[in-house]
């Protein structure tokens, strides 16, 4: 018997704070169960060498239905 999944991913948008994202999750009837952070890198050439420089961070929440 297959188990129903009631989980959904929510991402913090560009001009949105973490608190605003959590309020949006609650307004949609979900409860966050896990926070994940992932760095975003940019490729830059410095003195002829290619380097990867962190430029931002992607924050997402896994949430389940209340």
N, C-alpha and C. Protein backbone atom coordinates (compact mmCIF):
# COMPACT_ATOMS: atom_id res chain seq x y z
N UNK A 1 0.84 -1.16 0.00
CA UNK A 1 0.00 0.00 0.00
C UNK A 1 0.89 1.24 0.00
N UNK A 2 0.64 2.17 -0.91
CA UNK A 2 1.46 3.37 -1.03
C UNK A 2 1.09 4.38 0.04
N UNK A 3 2.11 5.02 0.56
CA UNK A 3 1.90 6.03 1.59
C UNK A 3 1.76 7.40 0.92
N UNK A 4 0.75 8.17 1.32
CA UNK A 4 0.55 9.50 0.75
C UNK A 4 1.58 10.46 1.32
N UNK A 5 2.14 11.28 0.46
CA UNK A 5 3.10 12.27 0.91
C UNK A 5 2.40 13.62 1.01
N UNK A 6 2.45 14.20 2.19
CA UNK A 6 1.84 15.50 2.41
C UNK A 6 2.91 16.55 2.64
N UNK A 7 4.06 16.39 2.01
CA UNK A 7 5.17 17.33 2.20
C UNK A 7 5.33 18.19 0.96
N UNK A 8 5.79 19.40 1.20
CA UNK A 8 5.99 20.35 0.11
C UNK A 8 7.24 21.18 0.42
N UNK A 9 7.92 21.65 -0.62
CA UNK A 9 9.11 22.49 -0.45
C UNK A 9 8.72 23.95 -0.64
N UNK A 10 9.26 24.79 0.23
CA UNK A 10 9.08 26.24 0.14
C UNK A 10 10.45 26.88 0.09
N UNK A 11 10.63 27.87 -0.78
CA UNK A 11 11.90 28.55 -0.94
C UNK A 11 11.76 30.01 -0.54
N UNK A 12 12.77 30.54 0.15
CA UNK A 12 12.79 31.95 0.50
C UNK A 12 13.08 32.72 -0.80
N UNK A 13 12.18 33.63 -1.16
CA UNK A 13 12.30 34.38 -2.41
C UNK A 13 13.35 35.48 -2.29
N UNK A 14 13.65 36.16 -3.42
CA UNK A 14 14.69 37.19 -3.48
C UNK A 14 14.56 38.26 -2.40
N UNK A 15 13.47 38.97 -2.39
CA UNK A 15 13.27 40.10 -1.47
C UNK A 15 12.38 39.71 -0.29
N UNK A 16 12.58 38.51 0.24
CA UNK A 16 11.74 37.99 1.32
C UNK A 16 12.63 37.55 2.48
N UNK A 17 12.20 37.83 3.69
CA UNK A 17 12.96 37.38 4.87
C UNK A 17 12.52 35.97 5.24
N UNK A 18 13.28 35.34 6.10
CA UNK A 18 12.94 33.99 6.56
C UNK A 18 11.62 34.03 7.33
N UNK A 19 11.41 35.08 8.12
CA UNK A 19 10.17 35.21 8.89
C UNK A 19 8.96 35.34 7.97
N UNK A 20 9.11 36.08 6.88
CA UNK A 20 8.01 36.23 5.92
C UNK A 20 7.71 34.90 5.24
N UNK A 21 8.74 34.13 4.94
CA UNK A 21 8.54 32.81 4.33
C UNK A 21 7.82 31.88 5.30
N UNK A 22 8.21 31.90 6.57
CA UNK A 22 7.54 31.07 7.57
C UNK A 22 6.08 31.46 7.74
N UNK A 23 5.78 32.76 7.65
CA UNK A 23 4.40 33.22 7.74
C UNK A 23 3.60 32.74 6.53
N UNK A 24 4.24 32.74 5.35
CA UNK A 24 3.58 32.25 4.13
C UNK A 24 3.29 30.75 4.23
N UNK A 25 4.23 30.00 4.80
CA UNK A 25 4.04 28.56 4.99
C UNK A 25 2.84 28.31 5.90
N UNK A 26 2.77 29.04 7.02
CA UNK A 26 1.67 28.87 7.97
C UNK A 26 0.34 29.28 7.35
N UNK A 27 0.34 30.33 6.53
CA UNK A 27 -0.89 30.80 5.89
C UNK A 27 -1.44 29.77 4.91
N UNK A 28 -0.57 28.95 4.33
CA UNK A 28 -1.00 27.92 3.40
C UNK A 28 -1.37 26.62 4.11
N UNK A 29 -1.29 26.60 5.45
CA UNK A 29 -1.72 25.42 6.20
C UNK A 29 -0.64 24.37 6.38
N UNK A 30 0.62 24.75 6.31
CA UNK A 30 1.73 23.81 6.47
C UNK A 30 2.53 24.16 7.70
N UNK A 31 3.36 23.20 8.15
CA UNK A 31 4.24 23.38 9.28
C UNK A 31 5.65 22.97 8.85
N UNK A 32 6.65 23.85 9.01
CA UNK A 32 8.01 23.50 8.59
C UNK A 32 8.58 22.38 9.46
N UNK A 33 9.24 21.42 8.82
CA UNK A 33 9.85 20.31 9.55
C UNK A 33 11.37 20.24 9.34
N UNK A 34 11.87 20.91 8.30
CA UNK A 34 13.31 20.88 8.05
C UNK A 34 13.73 22.12 7.27
N UNK A 35 14.85 22.71 7.69
CA UNK A 35 15.42 23.87 6.99
C UNK A 35 16.70 23.42 6.31
N UNK A 36 16.86 23.82 5.04
CA UNK A 36 18.05 23.46 4.29
C UNK A 36 18.67 24.73 3.70
N UNK A 37 19.99 24.80 3.73
CA UNK A 37 20.70 25.93 3.18
C UNK A 37 21.74 25.42 2.19
N UNK A 38 21.83 26.12 1.05
CA UNK A 38 22.76 25.70 0.02
C UNK A 38 23.46 26.95 -0.53
N UNK A 39 24.78 26.96 -0.57
CA UNK A 39 25.48 28.13 -1.11
C UNK A 39 25.35 28.21 -2.63
N UNK A 40 25.35 29.44 -3.14
CA UNK A 40 25.31 29.68 -4.58
C UNK A 40 26.64 30.31 -4.95
N UNK A 41 27.36 29.70 -5.90
CA UNK A 41 28.68 30.16 -6.29
C UNK A 41 28.65 30.84 -7.65
N UNK A 42 29.64 31.73 -7.85
CA UNK A 42 29.81 32.41 -9.14
C UNK A 42 31.24 32.16 -9.60
N UNK A 43 31.40 31.88 -10.88
CA UNK A 43 32.72 31.62 -11.43
C UNK A 43 33.37 32.95 -11.79
N UNK A 44 34.57 33.19 -11.24
CA UNK A 44 35.30 34.41 -11.53
C UNK A 44 36.72 34.06 -11.95
N UNK A 45 37.27 34.85 -12.87
CA UNK A 45 38.64 34.65 -13.31
C UNK A 45 39.49 35.73 -12.66
N UNK A 46 40.41 35.32 -11.78
CA UNK A 46 41.29 36.24 -11.08
C UNK A 46 42.73 35.85 -11.38
N UNK A 47 43.48 36.79 -11.98
CA UNK A 47 44.88 36.56 -12.37
C UNK A 47 45.03 35.32 -13.25
N UNK A 48 44.09 35.11 -14.16
CA UNK A 48 44.15 34.00 -15.09
C UNK A 48 43.69 32.67 -14.51
N UNK A 49 43.30 32.64 -13.24
CA UNK A 49 42.82 31.42 -12.62
C UNK A 49 41.31 31.50 -12.41
N UNK A 50 40.64 30.41 -12.67
CA UNK A 50 39.19 30.35 -12.44
C UNK A 50 38.95 29.97 -10.99
N UNK A 51 38.17 30.82 -10.31
CA UNK A 51 37.83 30.56 -8.92
C UNK A 51 36.33 30.63 -8.76
N UNK A 52 35.82 29.87 -7.81
CA UNK A 52 34.40 29.88 -7.51
C UNK A 52 34.20 30.62 -6.19
N UNK A 53 33.46 31.72 -6.28
CA UNK A 53 33.26 32.60 -5.14
C UNK A 53 31.81 32.51 -4.69
N UNK A 54 31.55 32.31 -3.38
CA UNK A 54 30.16 32.29 -2.92
C UNK A 54 29.55 33.68 -3.02
N UNK A 55 28.34 33.76 -3.60
CA UNK A 55 27.69 35.06 -3.79
C UNK A 55 26.39 35.18 -3.01
N UNK A 56 25.75 34.06 -2.71
CA UNK A 56 24.51 34.11 -1.95
C UNK A 56 24.23 32.73 -1.35
N UNK A 57 23.06 32.62 -0.74
CA UNK A 57 22.67 31.39 -0.09
C UNK A 57 21.21 31.11 -0.39
N UNK A 58 20.90 29.89 -0.78
CA UNK A 58 19.53 29.49 -1.06
C UNK A 58 18.98 28.77 0.16
N UNK A 59 17.90 29.30 0.73
CA UNK A 59 17.29 28.71 1.91
C UNK A 59 15.95 28.13 1.52
N UNK A 60 15.72 26.88 1.92
CA UNK A 60 14.43 26.25 1.63
C UNK A 60 13.96 25.51 2.87
N UNK A 61 12.63 25.30 2.91
CA UNK A 61 12.01 24.60 4.02
C UNK A 61 11.19 23.44 3.47
N UNK A 62 11.30 22.30 4.13
CA UNK A 62 10.41 21.18 3.84
C UNK A 62 9.29 21.29 4.87
N UNK A 63 8.05 21.27 4.40
CA UNK A 63 6.92 21.46 5.29
C UNK A 63 5.89 20.35 5.07
N UNK A 64 5.16 20.05 6.14
CA UNK A 64 4.10 19.05 6.03
C UNK A 64 2.77 19.70 6.38
N UNK A 65 1.71 19.11 5.86
CA UNK A 65 0.35 19.61 6.09
C UNK A 65 0.01 19.49 7.57
N UNK A 66 -0.64 20.54 8.10
CA UNK A 66 -1.03 20.52 9.52
C UNK A 66 -2.17 19.56 9.74
